[in-house]
Amino acid sequence: MSALFNFQALLQVLLLLICSCTYIHSQWPSLLDRYKEHSMLGAFWKCARIGERASPYVSIACIIMAVNQFQT
């Protein structure tokens, strides 16, 4: 089933996108900063900003998703 129709899979994809963008921005900040004004690639910069500012909540969500994945 596609991640668009399965809510749990959609949440996992969004959470992985936020975590990946945050990691890339922490390693190579100029890579995402040069595209922050663009509409399409600026979404990755925004995901990195969400991951940086809400990192305790993102890490808790990662733990909950991991536990949930092991249960199913």
N, C-alpha and C. Protein backbone atom coordinates (compact mmCIF):
# COMPACT_ATOMS: atom_id res chain seq x y z
N MET A 1 0.84 -1.17 0.00
CA MET A 1 0.00 0.00 0.00
C MET A 1 0.90 1.24 0.00
N SER A 2 0.46 2.24 -0.68
CA SER A 2 1.23 3.47 -0.80
C SER A 2 1.25 4.23 0.52
N ALA A 3 2.30 5.02 0.71
CA ALA A 3 2.41 5.81 1.93
C ALA A 3 1.40 6.95 1.96
N LEU A 4 0.82 7.28 0.82
CA LEU A 4 -0.19 8.34 0.79
C LEU A 4 -1.51 7.89 1.38
N PHE A 5 -1.79 6.60 1.29
CA PHE A 5 -3.08 6.09 1.76
C PHE A 5 -2.99 5.47 3.15
N ASN A 6 -1.80 5.21 3.63
CA ASN A 6 -1.61 4.63 4.95
C ASN A 6 -1.06 5.73 5.86
N PHE A 7 -1.83 6.12 6.85
CA PHE A 7 -1.46 7.26 7.69
C PHE A 7 -0.18 7.00 8.48
N GLN A 8 -0.01 5.80 8.98
CA GLN A 8 1.19 5.47 9.75
C GLN A 8 2.44 5.53 8.86
N ALA A 9 2.33 5.03 7.65
CA ALA A 9 3.46 5.08 6.72
C ALA A 9 3.77 6.52 6.32
N LEU A 10 2.75 7.34 6.17
CA LEU A 10 2.96 8.75 5.84
C LEU A 10 3.69 9.47 6.97
N LEU A 11 3.31 9.18 8.21
CA LEU A 11 4.01 9.77 9.36
C LEU A 11 5.47 9.32 9.43
N GLN A 12 5.73 8.07 9.12
CA GLN A 12 7.10 7.58 9.11
C GLN A 12 7.94 8.27 8.04
N VAL A 13 7.37 8.45 6.88
CA VAL A 13 8.09 9.12 5.79
C VAL A 13 8.39 10.57 6.17
N LEU A 14 7.42 11.27 6.74
CA LEU A 14 7.65 12.65 7.15
C LEU A 14 8.69 12.75 8.27
N LEU A 15 8.64 11.84 9.20
CA LEU A 15 9.61 11.84 10.30
C LEU A 15 11.02 11.54 9.80
N LEU A 16 11.14 10.58 8.89
CA LEU A 16 12.45 10.30 8.30
C LEU A 16 12.96 11.46 7.46
N LEU A 17 12.07 12.15 6.76
CA LEU A 17 12.47 13.32 5.99
C LEU A 17 12.99 14.42 6.90
N ILE A 18 12.31 14.67 8.01
CA ILE A 18 12.75 15.69 8.95
C ILE A 18 14.11 15.32 9.55
N CYS A 19 14.26 14.08 9.95
CA CYS A 19 15.53 13.64 10.54
C CYS A 19 16.67 13.69 9.53
N SER A 20 16.41 13.29 8.31
CA SER A 20 17.45 13.30 7.28
C SER A 20 17.87 14.72 6.93
N CYS A 21 16.90 15.61 6.78
CA CYS A 21 17.23 17.00 6.45
C CYS A 21 17.98 17.67 7.59
N THR A 22 17.63 17.35 8.82
CA THR A 22 18.34 17.92 9.97
C THR A 22 19.78 17.44 10.01
N TYR A 23 20.00 16.17 9.72
CA TYR A 23 21.36 15.63 9.70
C TYR A 23 22.18 16.26 8.59
N ILE A 24 21.60 16.37 7.41
CA ILE A 24 22.32 16.98 6.29
C ILE A 24 22.64 18.43 6.59
N HIS A 25 21.72 19.15 7.20
CA HIS A 25 21.97 20.55 7.52
C HIS A 25 23.03 20.71 8.60
N SER A 26 23.12 19.74 9.51
CA SER A 26 24.15 19.84 10.55
C SER A 26 25.53 19.52 9.99
N GLN A 27 25.61 18.67 8.98
CA GLN A 27 26.90 18.31 8.39
C GLN A 27 27.35 19.31 7.33
N TRP A 28 26.44 19.72 6.45
CA TRP A 28 26.74 20.65 5.37
C TRP A 28 25.69 21.75 5.35
N PRO A 29 25.83 22.77 6.18
CA PRO A 29 24.78 23.80 6.27
C PRO A 29 24.59 24.59 4.97
N SER A 30 25.65 24.79 4.22
CA SER A 30 25.51 25.59 3.00
C SER A 30 24.71 24.87 1.93
N LEU A 31 24.63 23.55 2.01
CA LEU A 31 23.90 22.78 1.01
C LEU A 31 22.42 23.12 1.01
N LEU A 32 21.82 23.25 2.17
CA LEU A 32 20.40 23.57 2.25
C LEU A 32 20.14 25.07 2.36
N ASP A 33 21.11 25.83 2.87
CA ASP A 33 20.90 27.26 3.03
C ASP A 33 20.82 28.00 1.70
N ARG A 34 21.49 27.50 0.68
CA ARG A 34 21.46 28.20 -0.61
C ARG A 34 20.12 28.04 -1.31
N TYR A 35 19.32 27.05 -0.91
CA TYR A 35 18.02 26.82 -1.55
C TYR A 35 16.83 27.23 -0.68
N LYS A 36 17.06 27.96 0.40
CA LYS A 36 15.95 28.23 1.31
C LYS A 36 14.92 29.20 0.75
N GLU A 37 15.26 29.97 -0.28
CA GLU A 37 14.31 30.89 -0.89
C GLU A 37 13.54 30.24 -2.04
N HIS A 38 13.98 29.07 -2.49
CA HIS A 38 13.28 28.38 -3.58
C HIS A 38 12.06 27.66 -3.02
N SER A 39 11.04 27.54 -3.83
CA SER A 39 9.81 26.94 -3.34
C SER A 39 9.92 25.43 -3.16
N MET A 40 10.47 24.74 -4.15
CA MET A 40 10.52 23.28 -4.08
C MET A 40 11.63 22.80 -3.15
N LEU A 41 12.83 23.26 -3.34
CA LEU A 41 13.95 22.81 -2.51
C LEU A 41 13.96 23.48 -1.14
N GLY A 42 13.21 24.56 -1.00
CA GLY A 42 13.10 25.22 0.30
C GLY A 42 12.36 24.38 1.33
N ALA A 43 11.59 23.41 0.86
CA ALA A 43 10.88 22.51 1.78
C ALA A 43 11.86 21.67 2.59
N PHE A 44 12.99 21.30 1.99
CA PHE A 44 14.00 20.54 2.72
C PHE A 44 14.65 21.41 3.81
N TRP A 45 14.87 22.69 3.50
CA TRP A 45 15.40 23.61 4.50
C TRP A 45 14.41 23.78 5.65
N LYS A 46 13.12 23.84 5.32
CA LYS A 46 12.09 23.97 6.35
C LYS A 46 12.01 22.72 7.22
N CYS A 47 12.17 21.54 6.61
CA CYS A 47 12.19 20.30 7.39
C CYS A 47 13.38 20.28 8.34
N ALA A 48 14.52 20.77 7.87
CA ALA A 48 15.70 20.84 8.73
C ALA A 48 15.48 21.81 9.88
N ARG A 49 14.81 22.91 9.63
CA ARG A 49 14.52 23.89 10.68
C ARG A 49 13.56 23.30 11.70
N ILE A 50 12.58 22.55 11.26
CA ILE A 50 11.65 21.88 12.19
C ILE A 50 12.42 20.90 13.07
N GLY A 51 13.32 20.13 12.46
CA GLY A 51 14.10 19.16 13.22
C GLY A 51 15.04 19.81 14.22
N GLU A 52 15.57 20.99 13.89
CA GLU A 52 16.46 21.68 14.83
C GLU A 52 15.71 22.30 15.99
N ARG A 53 14.59 22.90 15.70
CA ARG A 53 13.87 23.63 16.75
C ARG A 53 13.00 22.73 17.61
N ALA A 54 12.51 21.64 17.07
CA ALA A 54 11.64 20.75 17.82
C ALA A 54 12.32 19.40 18.04
N SER A 55 13.63 19.41 18.28
CA SER A 55 14.37 18.15 18.35
C SER A 55 13.92 17.23 19.48
N PRO A 56 13.56 17.71 20.68
CA PRO A 56 13.07 16.75 21.69
C PRO A 56 11.79 16.05 21.25
N TYR A 57 10.90 16.80 20.61
CA TYR A 57 9.64 16.20 20.17
C TYR A 57 9.86 15.26 19.00
N VAL A 58 10.79 15.60 18.12
CA VAL A 58 11.09 14.73 16.98
C VAL A 58 11.74 13.44 17.47
N SER A 59 12.63 13.52 18.45
CA SER A 59 13.27 12.31 18.96
C SER A 59 12.27 11.42 19.70
N ILE A 60 11.34 12.02 20.42
CA ILE A 60 10.30 11.23 21.08
C ILE A 60 9.41 10.55 20.04
N ALA A 61 9.10 11.28 18.97
CA ALA A 61 8.29 10.70 17.90
C ALA A 61 9.04 9.55 17.23
N CYS A 62 10.36 9.67 17.07
CA CYS A 62 11.15 8.58 16.49
C CYS A 62 11.11 7.34 17.38
N ILE A 63 11.21 7.54 18.67
CA ILE A 63 11.17 6.41 19.61
C ILE A 63 9.80 5.74 19.58
N ILE A 64 8.75 6.54 19.56
CA ILE A 64 7.39 5.99 19.51
C ILE A 64 7.17 5.21 18.22
N MET A 65 7.64 5.75 17.12
CA MET A 65 7.49 5.06 15.84
C MET A 65 8.29 3.77 15.80
N ALA A 66 9.47 3.77 16.40
CA ALA A 66 10.30 2.54 16.43
C ALA A 66 9.62 1.47 17.27
N VAL A 67 9.10 1.84 18.43
CA VAL A 67 8.40 0.87 19.28
C VAL A 67 7.15 0.36 18.56
N ASN A 68 6.45 1.26 17.91
CA ASN A 68 5.25 0.87 17.18
C ASN A 68 5.60 -0.06 16.02
N GLN A 69 6.71 0.17 15.37
CA GLN A 69 7.12 -0.68 14.26
C GLN A 69 7.47 -2.09 14.74
N PHE A 70 8.09 -2.21 15.91
CA PHE A 70 8.42 -3.52 16.44
C PHE A 70 7.20 -4.29 16.91
N GLN A 71 6.16 -3.59 17.31
CA GLN A 71 4.94 -4.26 17.76
C GLN A 71 4.15 -4.86 16.62
N THR A 72 4.21 -4.25 15.44
CA THR A 72 3.42 -4.77 14.31
C THR A 72 4.18 -5.77 13.50
